[in-house]
Amino acid sequence: MTIRFPLRCPGTLRAAFFAATVAAMTGMGLPAAAQDGAAAEQMGLEIALEAREKRLGFGNFTARQSMLLRNKRGQESQRELRVKVMEVDGDGDMSLFVFDEPRDVQGTAFLIHAHKDKGDDQWLYLPALKRVKRISSGNRSGSFMGSEFAYEDMSPPEVEKFSYRHLRDEPCGDLTCTVVERIPTDERSGYSRQNVWRDTEERRTWKVEYFDRKGAHLKTLTLDGYQRYLDRYWQAGEMTMVNHLTGKATTLTWTDYVFQTDLDANDFTQAGLRRVR
């Protein structure tokens, strides 16, 4: 049984709606197993909402990113990027990735307008063709610039785009993590489900397992090197995606975070993609 909440409700209302629904079902004398399932779903949703609440209000930031591609034989290649991210009140974030090196991808730019209640908008600027290509919903399971990250993985995982179920708590290193299953509500997603490990204190994500549409364990993302900025916001320094089917891996190393810069919405437009340098 899956409980869903109204997509356009504010987060606090969604949580209240969820709790009221669970309480109503319990009062109707549902079997114990159904009650337990509803409680697991409620807990999973609350954990996701808490994790989002902890990152709200950052405004914007810029950063540098190194992308290390490794094939199953251990051969490596590296790319260097600039990243800009801007928070949008009441909606998903806007993100811009610009490739600086090597020369064959220099000037390539990727723009994301994430949304809470509809599919994300994604565009890729290819300087060799001098044109902006829109990434369709049906193509977002494809590889992002030859990496093990799909286009779908590059968008922030908005809470409203999944249903949830708390699976268990367990040790993760020196911490205790909750393990929550989240299921994409978009039938065009490349994944049937994802398992997410977050620590219980700060709700930082440490691992995500991705399962393909047939239910097979396709990829695993691990995060490390967290640092706190502005005395509040935790950002991972390293993210590694391993593809268990191909044996390939991609590591993203983040540096030079600068928060609350002079970015504005004009930095995140399709027209602006052509002017990126």
C-alpha atoms as a PDB file:
ATOM      1  CA  MET A   1       0.000   0.000   0.000  1.00  0.00           C
ATOM      2  CA  THR A   2       1.390   3.388  -0.958  1.00  0.00           C
ATOM      3  CA  ILE A   3       0.240   6.698   0.485  1.00  0.00           C
ATOM      4  CA  ARG A   4       0.718   9.823  -1.601  1.00  0.00           C
ATOM      5  CA  PHE A   5       0.330  13.445  -0.608  1.00  0.00           C
ATOM      6  CA  PRO A   6      -0.834  16.476  -2.629  1.00  0.00           C
ATOM      7  CA  LEU A   7       2.146  17.699  -4.654  1.00  0.00           C
ATOM      8  CA  ARG A   8       1.366  21.371  -4.327  1.00  0.00           C
ATOM      9  CA  CYS A   9       0.959  21.438  -0.536  1.00  0.00           C
ATOM     10  CA  PRO A  10       3.735  23.111   1.502  1.00  0.00           C
ATOM     11  CA  GLY A  11       6.023  20.674   3.326  1.00  0.00           C
ATOM     12  CA  THR A  12       4.411  21.144   6.738  1.00  0.00           C
ATOM     13  CA  LEU A  13       0.951  20.548   5.288  1.00  0.00           C
ATOM     14  CA  ARG A  14       2.136  17.451   3.471  1.00  0.00           C
ATOM     15  CA  ALA A  15       3.516  16.016   6.706  1.00  0.00           C
ATOM     16  CA  ALA A  16       0.266  16.829   8.514  1.00  0.00           C
ATOM     17  CA  PHE A  17      -1.760  15.277   5.696  1.00  0.00           C
ATOM     18  CA  PHE A  18       0.350  12.158   5.906  1.00  0.00           C
ATOM     19  CA  ALA A  19      -0.013  11.864   9.679  1.00  0.00           C
ATOM     20  CA  ALA A  20      -3.769  12.425   9.512  1.00  0.00           C
ATOM     21  CA  THR A  21      -4.118   9.784   6.816  1.00  0.00           C
ATOM     22  CA  VAL A  22      -2.188   7.239   8.860  1.00  0.00           C
ATOM     23  CA  ALA A  23      -4.219   8.049  11.969  1.00  0.00           C
ATOM     24  CA  ALA A  24      -7.485   7.683  10.041  1.00  0.00           C
ATOM     25  CA  MET A  25      -6.450   4.312   8.656  1.00  0.00           C
ATOM     26  CA  THR A  26      -5.389   3.073  12.083  1.00  0.00           C
ATOM     27  CA  GLY A  27      -8.758   4.111  13.481  1.00  0.00           C
ATOM     28  CA  MET A  28     -10.509   2.153  10.756  1.00  0.00           C
ATOM     29  CA  GLY A  29      -9.095  -1.049  12.210  1.00  0.00           C
ATOM     30  CA  LEU A  30      -6.661  -1.977   9.440  1.00  0.00           C
ATOM     31  CA  PRO A  31      -4.664  -5.171   9.949  1.00  0.00           C
ATOM     32  CA  ALA A  32      -1.448  -4.770  11.950  1.00  0.00           C
ATOM     33  CA  ALA A  33       0.716  -5.398   8.874  1.00  0.00           C
ATOM     34  CA  ALA A  34      -1.020  -2.561   7.001  1.00  0.00           C
ATOM     35  CA  GLN A  35      -0.612  -0.269  10.004  1.00  0.00           C
ATOM     36  CA  ASP A  36       3.107  -1.101  10.172  1.00  0.00           C
ATOM     37  CA  GLY A  37       3.463  -0.396   6.460  1.00  0.00           C
ATOM     38  CA  ALA A  38       1.763   2.980   6.822  1.00  0.00           C
ATOM     39  CA  ALA A  39       4.017   3.870   9.762  1.00  0.00           C
ATOM     40  CA  ALA A  40       7.124   2.945   7.718  1.00  0.00           C
ATOM     41  CA  GLU A  41       5.924   5.151   4.870  1.00  0.00           C
ATOM     42  CA  GLN A  42       5.234   8.042   7.216  1.00  0.00           C
ATOM     43  CA  MET A  43       8.670   7.724   8.804  1.00  0.00           C
ATOM     44  CA  GLY A  44      10.362   7.545   5.395  1.00  0.00           C
ATOM     45  CA  LEU A  45       8.623  10.716   4.255  1.00  0.00           C
ATOM     46  CA  GLU A  46       9.447  12.552   7.493  1.00  0.00           C
ATOM     47  CA  ILE A  47      13.142  11.695   7.115  1.00  0.00           C
ATOM     48  CA  ALA A  48      13.161  13.042   3.544  1.00  0.00           C
ATOM     49  CA  LEU A  49      11.421  16.241   4.659  1.00  0.00           C
ATOM     50  CA  GLU A  50      13.876  16.716   7.533  1.00  0.00           C
ATOM     51  CA  ALA A  51      16.833  16.280   5.153  1.00  0.00           C
ATOM     52  CA  ARG A  52      15.382  18.937   2.834  1.00  0.00           C
ATOM     53  CA  GLU A  53      14.683  21.333   5.709  1.00  0.00           C
ATOM     54  CA  LYS A  54      18.338  21.199   6.740  1.00  0.00           C
ATOM     55  CA  ARG A  55      19.512  22.453   3.345  1.00  0.00           C
ATOM     56  CA  LEU A  56      16.934  25.184   2.767  1.00  0.00           C
ATOM     57  CA  GLY A  57      17.992  28.825   2.765  1.00  0.00           C
ATOM     58  CA  PHE A  58      21.515  28.565   1.316  1.00  0.00           C
ATOM     59  CA  GLY A  59      20.634  31.063  -1.431  1.00  0.00           C
ATOM     60  CA  ASN A  60      23.258  30.092  -3.991  1.00  0.00           C
ATOM     61  CA  PHE A  61      26.796  28.858  -4.370  1.00  0.00           C
ATOM     62  CA  THR A  62      29.584  28.368  -6.875  1.00  0.00           C
ATOM     63  CA  ALA A  63      32.121  25.536  -6.826  1.00  0.00           C
ATOM     64  CA  ARG A  64      34.732  23.685  -8.846  1.00  0.00           C
ATOM     65  CA  GLN A  65      34.295  20.054  -9.802  1.00  0.00           C
ATOM     66  CA  SER A  66      36.715  17.424 -11.089  1.00  0.00           C
ATOM     67  CA  MET A  67      35.159  14.456 -12.890  1.00  0.00           C
ATOM     68  CA  LEU A  68      37.321  11.316 -12.935  1.00  0.00           C
ATOM     69  CA  LEU A  69      36.138   8.585 -15.335  1.00  0.00           C
ATOM     70  CA  ARG A  70      37.458   5.072 -14.740  1.00  0.00           C
ATOM     71  CA  ASN A  71      36.750   2.070 -16.970  1.00  0.00           C
ATOM     72  CA  LYS A  72      36.691  -1.570 -15.853  1.00  0.00           C
ATOM     73  CA  ARG A  73      40.407  -1.959 -16.785  1.00  0.00           C
ATOM     74  CA  GLY A  74      41.348   0.915 -14.480  1.00  0.00           C
ATOM     75  CA  GLN A  75      42.111   3.411 -17.240  1.00  0.00           C
ATOM     76  CA  GLU A  76      41.247   6.973 -16.250  1.00  0.00           C
ATOM     77  CA  SER A  77      40.425  10.316 -17.830  1.00  0.00           C
ATOM     78  CA  GLN A  78      39.625  13.575 -16.108  1.00  0.00           C
ATOM     79  CA  ARG A  79      37.450  16.626 -16.756  1.00  0.00           C
ATOM     80  CA  GLU A  80      37.259  19.971 -14.989  1.00  0.00           C
ATOM     81  CA  LEU A  81      34.030  21.896 -14.484  1.00  0.00           C
ATOM     82  CA  ARG A  82      32.589  25.026 -12.916  1.00  0.00           C
ATOM     83  CA  VAL A  83      29.272  24.732 -11.086  1.00  0.00           C
ATOM     84  CA  LYS A  84      26.661  27.322 -10.152  1.00  0.00           C
ATOM     85  CA  VAL A  85      23.555  26.531  -8.092  1.00  0.00           C
ATOM     86  CA  MET A  86      20.710  28.859  -7.150  1.00  0.00           C
ATOM     87  CA  GLU A  87      17.837  28.148  -4.786  1.00  0.00           C
ATOM     88  CA  VAL A  88      14.351  28.978  -6.080  1.00  0.00           C
ATOM     89  CA  ASP A  89      11.683  29.818  -3.531  1.00  0.00           C
ATOM     90  CA  GLY A  90       8.828  27.311  -3.736  1.00  0.00           C
ATOM     91  CA  ASP A  91      10.431  25.220  -6.487  1.00  0.00           C
ATOM     92  CA  GLY A  92      13.508  23.131  -7.237  1.00  0.00           C
ATOM     93  CA  ASP A  93      17.024  24.527  -7.597  1.00  0.00           C
ATOM     94  CA  MET A  94      18.587  25.835 -10.802  1.00  0.00           C
ATOM     95  CA  SER A  95      22.025  24.371 -11.610  1.00  0.00           C
ATOM     96  CA  LEU A  96      24.632  25.120 -14.268  1.00  0.00           C
ATOM     97  CA  PHE A  97      27.641  22.918 -15.093  1.00  0.00           C
ATOM     98  CA  VAL A  98      30.334  24.270 -17.451  1.00  0.00           C
ATOM     99  CA  PHE A  99      33.203  22.107 -18.759  1.00  0.00           C
ATOM    100  CA  ASP A 100      36.616  23.811 -18.912  1.00  0.00           C
ATOM    101  CA  GLU A 101      38.909  20.855 -19.681  1.00  0.00           C
ATOM    102  CA  PRO A 102      39.904  18.877 -21.692  1.00  0.00           C
ATOM    103  CA  ARG A 103      39.739  20.802 -24.937  1.00  0.00           C
ATOM    104  CA  ASP A 104      37.353  18.404 -26.685  1.00  0.00           C
ATOM    105  CA  VAL A 105      34.566  19.234 -24.193  1.00  0.00           C
ATOM    106  CA  GLN A 106      35.567  22.803 -23.356  1.00  0.00           C
ATOM    107  CA  GLY A 107      32.578  25.151 -23.352  1.00  0.00           C
ATOM    108  CA  THR A 108      29.988  22.382 -23.069  1.00  0.00           C
ATOM    109  CA  ALA A 109      27.331  23.527 -20.601  1.00  0.00           C
ATOM    110  CA  PHE A 110      24.475  21.739 -18.862  1.00  0.00           C
ATOM    111  CA  LEU A 111      21.538  23.635 -17.367  1.00  0.00           C
ATOM    112  CA  ILE A 112      18.886  22.242 -15.008  1.00  0.00           C
ATOM    113  CA  HIS A 113      15.664  23.854 -13.821  1.00  0.00           C
ATOM    114  CA  ALA A 114      14.445  21.391 -11.193  1.00  0.00           C
ATOM    115  CA  HIS A 115      10.757  21.345 -10.234  1.00  0.00           C
ATOM    116  CA  LYS A 116       8.781  19.889  -7.359  1.00  0.00           C
ATOM    117  CA  ASP A 117       5.458  19.218  -9.085  1.00  0.00           C
ATOM    118  CA  LYS A 118       6.461  18.445 -12.689  1.00  0.00           C
ATOM    119  CA  GLY A 119       9.336  17.074 -14.722  1.00  0.00           C
ATOM    120  CA  ASP A 120      12.630  18.932 -14.614  1.00  0.00           C
ATOM    121  CA  ASP A 121      13.812  21.030 -17.551  1.00  0.00           C
ATOM    122  CA  GLN A 122      17.317  20.159 -18.779  1.00  0.00           C
ATOM    123  CA  TRP A 123      19.358  21.622 -21.636  1.00  0.00           C
ATOM    124  CA  LEU A 124      22.814  20.807 -22.991  1.00  0.00           C
ATOM    125  CA  TYR A 125      24.856  23.339 -24.984  1.00  0.00           C
ATOM    126  CA  LEU A 126      27.241  21.763 -27.495  1.00  0.00           C
ATOM    127  CA  PRO A 127      29.785  24.374 -28.683  1.00  0.00           C
ATOM    128  CA  ALA A 128      30.899  22.318 -31.693  1.00  0.00           C
ATOM    129  CA  LEU A 129      27.335  22.479 -33.044  1.00  0.00           C
ATOM    130  CA  LYS A 130      26.636  25.927 -31.567  1.00  0.00           C
ATOM    131  CA  ARG A 131      23.213  24.849 -30.448  1.00  0.00           C
ATOM    132  CA  VAL A 132      21.237  24.114 -27.295  1.00  0.00           C
ATOM    133  CA  LYS A 133      19.764  20.617 -27.063  1.00  0.00           C
ATOM    134  CA  ARG A 134      16.839  19.902 -24.774  1.00  0.00           C
ATOM    135  CA  ILE A 135      17.108  16.628 -22.860  1.00  0.00           C
ATOM    136  CA  SER A 136      13.744  14.924 -23.155  1.00  0.00           C
ATOM    137  CA  SER A 137      12.158  13.041 -20.266  1.00  0.00           C
ATOM    138  CA  GLY A 138      12.601   9.767 -22.124  1.00  0.00           C
ATOM    139  CA  ASN A 139      16.375  10.257 -22.460  1.00  0.00           C
ATOM    140  CA  ARG A 140      17.245  11.107 -18.866  1.00  0.00           C
ATOM    141  CA  SER A 141      18.380   7.611 -18.024  1.00  0.00           C
ATOM    142  CA  GLY A 142      21.219   8.079 -20.539  1.00  0.00           C
ATOM    143  CA  SER A 143      24.822   8.761 -19.523  1.00  0.00           C
ATOM    144  CA  PHE A 144      25.760  12.351 -18.690  1.00  0.00           C
ATOM    145  CA  MET A 145      28.847  13.187 -20.787  1.00  0.00           C
ATOM    146  CA  GLY A 146      30.085   9.575 -20.775  1.00  0.00           C
ATOM    147  CA  SER A 147      30.026   9.302 -16.971  1.00  0.00           C
ATOM    148  CA  GLU A 148      28.250   6.768 -14.755  1.00  0.00           C
ATOM    149  CA  PHE A 149      25.890   9.547 -13.671  1.00  0.00           C
ATOM    150  CA  ALA A 150      22.681   9.640 -15.701  1.00  0.00           C
ATOM    151  CA  TYR A 151      21.059  12.945 -16.630  1.00  0.00           C
ATOM    152  CA  GLU A 152      18.419  11.961 -14.098  1.00  0.00           C
ATOM    153  CA  ASP A 153      21.077  11.743 -11.358  1.00  0.00           C
ATOM    154  CA  MET A 154      22.248  15.295 -11.983  1.00  0.00           C
ATOM    155  CA  SER A 155      18.919  16.791 -10.879  1.00  0.00           C
ATOM    156  CA  PRO A 156      18.348  17.210  -7.136  1.00  0.00           C
ATOM    157  CA  PRO A 157      16.009  14.468  -5.843  1.00  0.00           C
ATOM    158  CA  GLU A 158      12.961  16.553  -4.941  1.00  0.00           C
ATOM    159  CA  VAL A 159      10.927  15.048  -2.095  1.00  0.00           C
ATOM    160  CA  GLU A 160       7.639  15.234  -4.013  1.00  0.00           C
ATOM    161  CA  LYS A 161       8.914  12.973  -6.811  1.00  0.00           C
ATOM    162  CA  PHE A 162       9.126   9.822  -4.705  1.00  0.00           C
ATOM    163  CA  SER A 163       7.110   7.657  -2.343  1.00  0.00           C
ATOM    164  CA  TYR A 164       8.983   6.450   0.745  1.00  0.00           C
ATOM    165  CA  ARG A 165       9.367   3.583   3.163  1.00  0.00           C
ATOM    166  CA  HIS A 166      11.671   3.396   6.178  1.00  0.00           C
ATOM    167  CA  LEU A 167      13.462   0.046   6.099  1.00  0.00           C
ATOM    168  CA  ARG A 168      15.736   0.046   9.144  1.00  0.00           C
ATOM    169  CA  ASP A 169      18.394   1.858  11.160  1.00  0.00           C
ATOM    170  CA  GLU A 170      21.940   0.504  11.152  1.00  0.00           C
ATOM    171  CA  PRO A 171      25.539   1.520  11.930  1.00  0.00           C
ATOM    172  CA  CYS A 172      27.428   3.306   9.143  1.00  0.00           C
ATOM    173  CA  GLY A 173      31.012   3.858  10.237  1.00  0.00           C
ATOM    174  CA  ASP A 174      30.969   5.795  13.503  1.00  0.00           C
ATOM    175  CA  LEU A 175      27.420   7.010  12.823  1.00  0.00           C
ATOM    176  CA  THR A 176      23.945   5.528  12.821  1.00  0.00           C
ATOM    177  CA  CYS A 177      22.079   5.726   9.530  1.00  0.00           C
ATOM    178  CA  THR A 178      18.473   5.362   8.530  1.00  0.00           C
ATOM    179  CA  VAL A 179      17.885   3.304   5.393  1.00  0.00           C
ATOM    180  CA  VAL A 180      14.912   4.555   3.395  1.00  0.00           C
ATOM    181  CA  GLU A 181      13.525   3.137   0.186  1.00  0.00           C
ATOM    182  CA  ARG A 182      12.285   5.758  -2.264  1.00  0.00           C
ATOM    183  CA  ILE A 183      10.337   4.913  -5.399  1.00  0.00           C
ATOM    184  CA  PRO A 184      10.188   7.399  -8.301  1.00  0.00           C
ATOM    185  CA  THR A 185       6.651   8.488  -9.141  1.00  0.00           C
ATOM    186  CA  ASP A 186       7.683   9.213 -12.748  1.00  0.00           C
ATOM    187  CA  GLU A 187       7.170   6.062 -14.806  1.00  0.00           C
ATOM    188  CA  ARG A 188       9.840   7.315 -17.228  1.00  0.00           C
ATOM    189  CA  SER A 189      12.535   7.136 -14.542  1.00  0.00           C
ATOM    190  CA  GLY A 190      15.364   4.732 -15.277  1.00  0.00           C
ATOM    191  CA  TYR A 191      15.016   3.331 -11.761  1.00  0.00           C
ATOM    192  CA  SER A 192      12.412   1.144 -10.078  1.00  0.00           C
ATOM    193  CA  ARG A 193      13.608   2.157  -6.609  1.00  0.00           C
ATOM    194  CA  GLN A 194      16.518   3.588  -4.638  1.00  0.00           C
ATOM    195  CA  ASN A 195      17.786   2.845  -1.106  1.00  0.00           C
ATOM    196  CA  VAL A 196      19.207   5.881   0.711  1.00  0.00           C
ATOM    197  CA  TRP A 197      21.475   5.890   3.782  1.00  0.00           C
ATOM    198  CA  ARG A 198      21.335   9.110   5.856  1.00  0.00           C
ATOM    199  CA  ASP A 199      22.873   9.703   9.272  1.00  0.00           C
ATOM    200  CA  THR A 200      20.338  10.254  12.037  1.00  0.00           C
ATOM    201  CA  GLU A 201      21.874  13.470  13.374  1.00  0.00           C
ATOM    202  CA  GLU A 202      22.439  15.710  10.348  1.00  0.00           C
ATOM    203  CA  ARG A 203      20.500  13.760   7.686  1.00  0.00           C
ATOM    204  CA  ARG A 204      23.532  13.769   5.369  1.00  0.00           C
ATOM    205  CA  THR A 205      23.389  11.250   2.521  1.00  0.00           C
ATOM    206  CA  TRP A 206      26.202   8.694   2.639  1.00  0.00           C
ATOM    207  CA  LYS A 207      25.091   6.050   0.162  1.00  0.00           C
ATOM    208  CA  VAL A 208      22.415   5.473  -2.480  1.00  0.00           C
ATOM    209  CA  GLU A 209      21.727   2.155  -4.199  1.00  0.00           C
ATOM    210  CA  TYR A 210      19.963   2.370  -7.563  1.00  0.00           C
ATOM    211  CA  PHE A 211      17.864  -0.479  -8.963  1.00  0.00           C
ATOM    212  CA  ASP A 212      16.960  -0.672 -12.646  1.00  0.00           C
ATOM    213  CA  ARG A 213      13.448  -1.123 -14.027  1.00  0.00           C
ATOM    214  CA  LYS A 214      13.777  -4.905 -13.671  1.00  0.00           C
ATOM    215  CA  GLY A 215      14.724  -4.592 -10.006  1.00  0.00           C
ATOM    216  CA  ALA A 216      18.425  -5.424 -10.425  1.00  0.00           C
ATOM    217  CA  HIS A 217      21.030  -3.510  -8.406  1.00  0.00           C
ATOM    218  CA  LEU A 218      22.504  -1.306 -11.125  1.00  0.00           C
ATOM    219  CA  LYS A 219      24.631   1.372  -9.425  1.00  0.00           C
ATOM    220  CA  THR A 220      25.836   2.561  -6.035  1.00  0.00           C
ATOM    221  CA  LEU A 221      26.653   6.152  -5.103  1.00  0.00           C
ATOM    222  CA  THR A 222      28.875   6.821  -2.068  1.00  0.00           C
ATOM    223  CA  LEU A 223      29.553  10.261  -0.591  1.00  0.00           C
ATOM    224  CA  ASP A 224      32.394  11.365   1.669  1.00  0.00           C
ATOM    225  CA  GLY A 225      34.454  14.337   2.782  1.00  0.00           C
ATOM    226  CA  TYR A 226      31.604  16.392   4.167  1.00  0.00           C
ATOM    227  CA  GLN A 227      32.340  19.945   5.307  1.00  0.00           C
ATOM    228  CA  ARG A 228      29.989  22.443   6.875  1.00  0.00           C
ATOM    229  CA  TYR A 229      29.549  25.924   5.395  1.00  0.00           C
ATOM    230  CA  LEU A 230      27.942  29.003   6.924  1.00  0.00           C
ATOM    231  CA  ASP A 231      27.842  26.982  10.188  1.00  0.00           C
ATOM    232  CA  ARG A 232      24.869  25.044   8.824  1.00  0.00           C
ATOM    233  CA  TYR A 233      25.099  23.525   5.356  1.00  0.00           C
ATOM    234  CA  TRP A 234      26.891  20.230   4.864  1.00  0.00           C
ATOM    235  CA  GLN A 235      28.362  19.568   1.414  1.00  0.00           C
ATOM    236  CA  ALA A 236      30.113  16.384   0.292  1.00  0.00           C
ATOM    237  CA  GLY A 237      33.640  16.736  -1.040  1.00  0.00           C
ATOM    238  CA  GLU A 238      33.554  13.494  -3.028  1.00  0.00           C
ATOM    239  CA  MET A 239      30.831  11.497  -4.782  1.00  0.00           C
ATOM    240  CA  THR A 240      31.600   8.158  -6.466  1.00  0.00           C
ATOM    241  CA  MET A 241      29.126   6.322  -8.690  1.00  0.00           C
ATOM    242  CA  VAL A 242      29.940   2.666  -9.447  1.00  0.00           C
ATOM    243  CA  ASN A 243      28.127   0.824 -12.219  1.00  0.00           C
ATOM    244  CA  HIS A 244      27.880  -2.836 -11.225  1.00  0.00           C
ATOM    245  CA  LEU A 245      26.841  -3.894 -14.719  1.00  0.00           C
ATOM    246  CA  THR A 246      29.776  -2.361 -16.632  1.00  0.00           C
ATOM    247  CA  GLY A 247      32.440  -2.173 -13.920  1.00  0.00           C
ATOM    248  CA  LYS A 248      32.945   1.518 -14.654  1.00  0.00           C
ATOM    249  CA  ALA A 249      33.047   4.296 -12.062  1.00  0.00           C
ATOM    250  CA  THR A 250      32.923   8.091 -11.941  1.00  0.00           C
ATOM    251  CA  THR A 251      34.189  10.229  -9.062  1.00  0.00           C
ATOM    252  CA  LEU A 252      33.137  13.861  -8.654  1.00  0.00           C
ATOM    253  CA  THR A 253      35.445  15.896  -6.407  1.00  0.00           C
ATOM    254  CA  TRP A 254      34.031  19.234  -5.207  1.00  0.00           C
ATOM    255  CA  THR A 255      36.239  22.173  -4.132  1.00  0.00           C
ATOM    256  CA  ASP A 256      36.184  25.957  -3.779  1.00  0.00           C
ATOM    257  CA  TYR A 257      32.628  26.305  -2.500  1.00  0.00           C
ATOM    258  CA  VAL A 258      31.546  29.948  -2.246  1.00  0.00           C
ATOM    259  CA  PHE A 259      28.080  30.648  -0.841  1.00  0.00           C
ATOM    260  CA  GLN A 260      25.760  33.641  -1.212  1.00  0.00           C
ATOM    261  CA  THR A 261      27.422  35.171  -4.264  1.00  0.00           C
ATOM    262  CA  ASP A 262      25.968  37.727  -6.698  1.00  0.00           C
ATOM    263  CA  LEU A 263      24.299  35.120  -8.925  1.00  0.00           C
ATOM    264  CA  ASP A 264      20.823  35.865 -10.256  1.00  0.00           C
ATOM    265  CA  ALA A 265      18.247  34.155 -12.462  1.00  0.00           C
ATOM    266  CA  ASN A 266      19.848  35.567 -15.634  1.00  0.00           C
ATOM    267  CA  ASP A 267      22.792  33.221 -15.048  1.00  0.00           C
ATOM    268  CA  PHE A 268      20.483  30.230 -15.573  1.00  0.00           C
ATOM    269  CA  THR A 269      18.784  30.819 -18.941  1.00  0.00           C
ATOM    270  CA  GLN A 270      18.925  28.984 -22.251  1.00  0.00           C
ATOM    271  CA  ALA A 271      20.195  32.133 -23.947  1.00  0.00           C
ATOM    272  CA  GLY A 272      22.910  32.390 -21.324  1.00  0.00           C
ATOM    273  CA  LEU A 273      24.192  28.922 -22.217  1.00  0.00           C
ATOM    274  CA  ARG A 274      25.507  30.243 -25.516  1.00  0.00           C
ATOM    275  CA  ARG A 275      27.467  32.991 -23.736  1.00  0.00           C
ATOM    276  CA  VAL A 276      29.102  30.761 -21.154  1.00  0.00           C
ATOM    277  CA  ARG A 277      32.875  31.035 -21.180  1.00  0.00           C
END
